[in-house]
Amino acid sequence: MNKKQFVIFGLGRFGKSVATTLSDNGCDVLVIDADENSVNEMADYVTYAVKADATDTEALKSLGISNFDVAIIAMGENLEASVMATIFVKEVGVPYVLAKAQNDLQGRILKKLGADMVVYPEKETGVRIANSLLINTLFDAVELPSNYSMMELDALPEWIGKSFHELDLRARLKINVIGIKSKKQLNINPDPDEAIAEGDVLILIGKNEVLNKLALMHKKVEIK
């Protein structure tokens, strides 16, 4: 699975939170902001940190942004910059654009300009949104036959304290664990010897009938 590349415009609290979460999970991250202090602050946490004005399309063209998989427009407080950045990344062909908005009107404007998703950070945290992006890229990267699915599942009580090696889910249930969410982290390459902890959420691939049974078990519904 190829490493996903994200470009983030704007390094306010929201932009920094998304950037660090994506970077902590092994993604290539380019951050862009007009404030030099903010750029310098993030330089050690991301792959690339660049001081640039989001409205300066000539400067942006030199950064190779067309090669990125996802653009996050995190400048909701500056409508002009958000608009210009959204138009730019769509024009250069970035496949997926997520834009931050301050209100419904701004959100509708950004949607009309081509943003694939609009978020309102006062309602959603940057960490939650970054983890959602990571999971979506996993879904996009895997082509599944019609009788297979990918699903998030809270670890079952009988799995707590056991490792994936001990559970041997692949052999016993014919399902594969491709990721695990633990607290604020998403690990897309879990260690088979690491014990599952209470509160962990597993990302599974398997046959629909098996995944459905697991979901019912989690809900404590008797399966006959």
Protein backbone atom coordinates (compact mmCIF):
# COMPACT_ATOMS: atom_id res chain seq x y z
CA MET A 1 0.00 0.00 0.00
CA ASN A 2 1.53 3.30 -1.04
CA LYS A 3 2.13 5.95 1.59
CA LYS A 4 -0.49 8.67 1.26
CA GLN A 5 0.54 12.30 0.79
CA PHE A 6 -1.34 15.18 2.41
CA VAL A 7 -0.93 18.93 1.93
CA ILE A 8 -2.30 21.23 4.62
CA PHE A 9 -2.91 24.94 4.11
CA GLY A 10 -2.99 26.84 7.39
CA LEU A 11 -1.34 26.15 10.73
CA GLY A 12 -3.84 27.27 13.30
CA ARG A 13 -4.79 24.89 16.09
CA PHE A 14 -6.89 22.78 13.72
CA GLY A 15 -4.25 22.56 10.97
CA LYS A 16 -1.50 21.65 13.42
CA SER A 17 -3.64 18.95 15.02
CA VAL A 18 -4.42 17.35 11.65
CA ALA A 19 -0.80 17.62 10.52
CA THR A 20 0.71 16.01 13.61
CA THR A 21 -1.84 13.19 13.67
CA LEU A 22 -1.24 12.33 10.01
CA SER A 23 2.52 12.57 10.43
CA ASP A 24 2.49 10.41 13.58
CA ASN A 25 0.75 7.73 11.51
CA GLY A 26 3.47 7.60 8.88
CA CYS A 27 1.99 9.84 6.17
CA ASP A 28 3.94 12.30 4.05
CA VAL A 29 2.71 15.74 5.10
CA LEU A 30 3.42 19.14 3.54
CA VAL A 31 2.26 22.14 5.57
CA ILE A 32 1.94 25.64 4.13
CA ASP A 33 1.42 28.86 6.07
CA ALA A 34 2.26 32.53 5.60
CA ASP A 35 3.52 32.81 9.18
CA GLU A 36 7.20 31.90 9.45
CA ASN A 37 7.02 31.11 13.18
CA SER A 38 4.22 28.61 12.64
CA VAL A 39 6.13 26.96 9.79
CA ASN A 40 9.32 26.71 11.85
CA GLU A 41 7.37 25.26 14.76
CA MET A 42 6.05 22.40 12.60
CA ALA A 43 9.23 21.72 10.63
CA ASP A 44 10.39 18.90 12.93
CA TYR A 45 7.00 17.19 12.97
CA VAL A 46 6.13 16.90 9.27
CA THR A 47 7.83 15.91 6.04
CA TYR A 48 7.90 19.42 4.57
CA ALA A 49 7.04 22.83 6.00
CA VAL A 50 6.88 25.80 3.65
CA LYS A 51 6.27 29.52 4.20
CA ALA A 52 3.95 30.67 1.41
CA ASP A 53 0.82 32.72 0.83
CA ALA A 54 -2.12 30.50 -0.13
CA THR A 55 -3.30 33.20 -2.56
CA ASP A 56 0.03 33.20 -4.43
CA THR A 57 -0.67 30.54 -7.03
CA GLU A 58 2.68 31.01 -8.76
CA ALA A 59 4.53 30.14 -5.56
CA LEU A 60 2.25 27.17 -4.95
CA LYS A 61 2.84 25.73 -8.43
CA SER A 62 6.52 25.17 -7.58
CA LEU A 63 5.62 22.86 -4.69
CA GLY A 64 4.33 19.96 -6.79
CA ILE A 65 0.95 19.94 -5.07
CA SER A 66 -0.66 18.08 -7.98
CA ASN A 67 1.16 14.95 -6.75
CA PHE A 68 -0.63 14.91 -3.39
CA ASP A 69 -3.57 12.63 -2.60
CA VAL A 70 -5.46 14.91 -0.20
CA ALA A 71 -5.52 18.65 0.42
CA ILE A 72 -6.78 20.07 3.72
CA ILE A 73 -7.77 23.73 3.57
CA ALA A 74 -7.49 24.75 7.23
CA MET A 75 -7.90 28.51 6.96
CA GLY A 76 -11.58 28.94 7.80
CA GLU A 77 -11.06 32.34 9.37
CA ASN A 78 -9.72 33.71 6.05
CA LEU A 79 -12.38 33.20 3.41
CA GLU A 80 -10.35 34.66 0.54
CA ALA A 81 -7.39 32.39 1.25
CA SER A 82 -9.68 29.37 1.65
CA VAL A 83 -11.41 30.12 -1.64
CA MET A 84 -8.14 30.63 -3.54
CA ALA A 85 -6.53 27.50 -2.11
CA THR A 86 -9.60 25.36 -2.83
CA ILE A 87 -9.76 26.57 -6.42
CA PHE A 88 -6.02 26.01 -6.87
CA VAL A 89 -5.87 22.43 -5.55
CA LYS A 90 -8.91 21.44 -7.62
CA GLU A 91 -7.39 22.98 -10.75
CA VAL A 92 -4.09 21.12 -10.33
CA GLY A 93 -5.94 17.83 -9.84
CA VAL A 94 -5.67 16.91 -6.16
CA PRO A 95 -8.15 13.98 -5.91
CA TYR A 96 -9.71 14.81 -2.53
CA VAL A 97 -10.15 18.20 -0.88
CA LEU A 98 -11.28 18.75 2.71
CA ALA A 99 -12.00 22.34 3.71
CA LYS A 100 -12.53 23.94 7.10
CA ALA A 101 -15.45 26.38 7.38
CA GLN A 102 -16.48 28.81 10.08
CA ASN A 103 -20.19 28.72 9.28
CA ASP A 104 -22.81 27.19 6.98
CA LEU A 105 -22.55 29.96 4.37
CA GLN A 106 -18.80 29.57 4.07
CA GLY A 107 -19.25 25.81 3.90
CA ARG A 108 -21.71 26.10 1.00
CA ILE A 109 -19.30 28.37 -0.87
CA LEU A 110 -16.42 25.94 -0.48
CA LYS A 111 -18.62 23.02 -1.54
CA LYS A 112 -19.63 24.86 -4.72
CA LEU A 113 -15.95 25.51 -5.45
CA GLY A 114 -15.27 21.77 -5.38
CA ALA A 115 -14.42 20.82 -1.80
CA ASP A 116 -15.28 17.13 -1.39
CA MET A 117 -15.88 17.53 2.33
CA VAL A 118 -16.45 20.54 4.58
CA VAL A 119 -15.84 20.34 8.32
CA TYR A 120 -16.64 22.67 11.18
CA PRO A 121 -13.84 22.35 13.77
CA GLU A 122 -15.91 23.79 16.58
CA LYS A 123 -17.89 20.54 16.25
CA GLU A 124 -15.11 18.14 15.30
CA THR A 125 -11.54 17.86 16.56
CA GLY A 126 -8.55 17.84 14.23
CA VAL A 127 -7.44 14.46 15.56
CA ARG A 128 -10.83 12.90 14.81
CA ILE A 129 -10.87 14.34 11.29
CA ALA A 130 -7.29 13.22 10.59
CA ASN A 131 -8.10 9.67 11.72
CA SER A 132 -11.17 9.72 9.48
CA LEU A 133 -8.98 10.72 6.52
CA LEU A 134 -6.55 7.92 7.29
CA ILE A 135 -9.31 5.33 7.39
CA ASN A 136 -10.85 6.66 4.17
CA THR A 137 -7.51 6.29 2.38
CA LEU A 138 -7.38 2.67 3.52
CA PHE A 139 -10.83 2.07 2.03
CA ASP A 140 -9.83 3.80 -1.22
CA ALA A 141 -6.63 1.77 -1.53
CA VAL A 142 -8.29 -1.64 -1.35
CA GLU A 143 -10.56 -3.07 -4.04
CA LEU A 144 -12.79 -5.74 -2.52
CA PRO A 145 -15.06 -8.35 -4.12
CA SER A 146 -18.79 -7.86 -3.50
CA ASN A 147 -18.94 -10.46 -0.71
CA TYR A 148 -16.12 -8.80 1.27
CA SER A 149 -16.13 -5.58 3.30
CA MET A 150 -13.98 -3.44 5.53
CA MET A 151 -15.33 -2.60 8.99
CA GLU A 152 -14.38 -0.88 12.23
CA LEU A 153 -15.11 -2.96 15.33
CA ASP A 154 -14.54 -2.28 19.02
CA ALA A 155 -12.36 -5.04 20.45
CA LEU A 156 -14.54 -7.81 21.91
CA PRO A 157 -14.14 -8.40 25.67
CA GLU A 158 -12.58 -11.83 25.13
CA TRP A 159 -9.89 -10.25 22.93
CA ILE A 160 -8.66 -7.80 25.57
CA GLY A 161 -5.15 -8.61 26.77
CA LYS A 162 -4.46 -11.02 23.93
CA SER A 163 -2.22 -10.39 20.93
CA PHE A 164 -3.22 -10.82 17.29
CA HIS A 165 -0.78 -13.72 17.18
CA GLU A 166 -2.64 -15.46 20.02
CA LEU A 167 -6.08 -14.76 18.56
CA ASP A 168 -5.01 -15.90 15.07
CA LEU A 169 -8.08 -14.25 13.54
CA ARG A 170 -6.90 -14.93 10.00
CA ALA A 171 -6.84 -18.70 10.53
CA ARG A 172 -9.88 -18.99 12.80
CA LEU A 173 -12.26 -16.48 11.22
CA LYS A 174 -10.70 -15.74 7.83
CA ILE A 175 -10.47 -12.01 8.60
CA ASN A 176 -7.49 -9.69 8.38
CA VAL A 177 -6.67 -6.85 10.77
CA ILE A 178 -5.26 -3.98 8.71
CA GLY A 179 -5.30 -1.30 11.38
CA ILE A 180 -5.98 -0.53 15.02
CA LYS A 181 -7.11 2.73 16.59
CA SER A 182 -5.85 3.21 20.12
CA LYS A 183 -6.79 6.42 21.93
CA LYS A 184 -5.65 9.17 19.52
CA GLN A 185 -3.41 6.99 17.36
CA LEU A 186 -4.15 4.97 14.24
CA ASN A 187 -1.67 2.19 13.49
CA ILE A 188 -2.07 0.79 10.00
CA ASN A 189 0.60 -1.86 10.56
CA PRO A 190 -0.15 -3.34 14.01
CA ASP A 191 2.44 -5.50 15.74
CA PRO A 192 1.07 -9.10 15.85
CA ASP A 193 2.61 -9.58 19.32
CA GLU A 194 1.11 -6.42 20.84
CA ALA A 195 -1.74 -7.00 23.29
CA ILE A 196 -5.14 -5.54 22.49
CA ALA A 197 -6.23 -2.98 25.07
CA GLU A 198 -9.67 -1.99 26.27
CA GLY A 199 -11.02 0.76 24.04
CA ASP A 200 -9.06 -0.34 20.96
CA VAL A 201 -10.93 -0.27 17.66
CA LEU A 202 -9.89 -2.77 14.98
CA ILE A 203 -10.14 -2.19 11.24
CA LEU A 204 -10.99 -5.52 9.65
CA ILE A 205 -11.34 -7.00 6.17
CA GLY A 206 -13.32 -10.18 5.69
CA LYS A 207 -16.41 -11.86 4.31
CA ASN A 208 -19.62 -9.97 4.99
CA GLU A 209 -21.20 -12.89 6.86
CA VAL A 210 -18.26 -13.13 9.29
CA LEU A 211 -18.08 -9.38 9.90
CA ASN A 212 -21.83 -9.22 10.49
CA LYS A 213 -21.57 -11.96 13.11
CA LEU A 214 -18.76 -10.12 14.87
CA ALA A 215 -20.83 -6.93 14.89
CA LEU A 216 -23.72 -8.83 16.47
CA MET A 217 -21.40 -10.34 19.06
CA HIS A 218 -20.23 -6.86 19.99
CA LYS A 219 -23.83 -5.81 20.48
CA LYS A 220 -24.36 -8.88 22.68
CA VAL A 221 -26.98 -10.32 20.35
CA GLU A 222 -27.22 -14.13 20.46
CA ILE A 223 -26.07 -15.69 17.19
CA LYS A 224 -27.65 -19.02 16.32
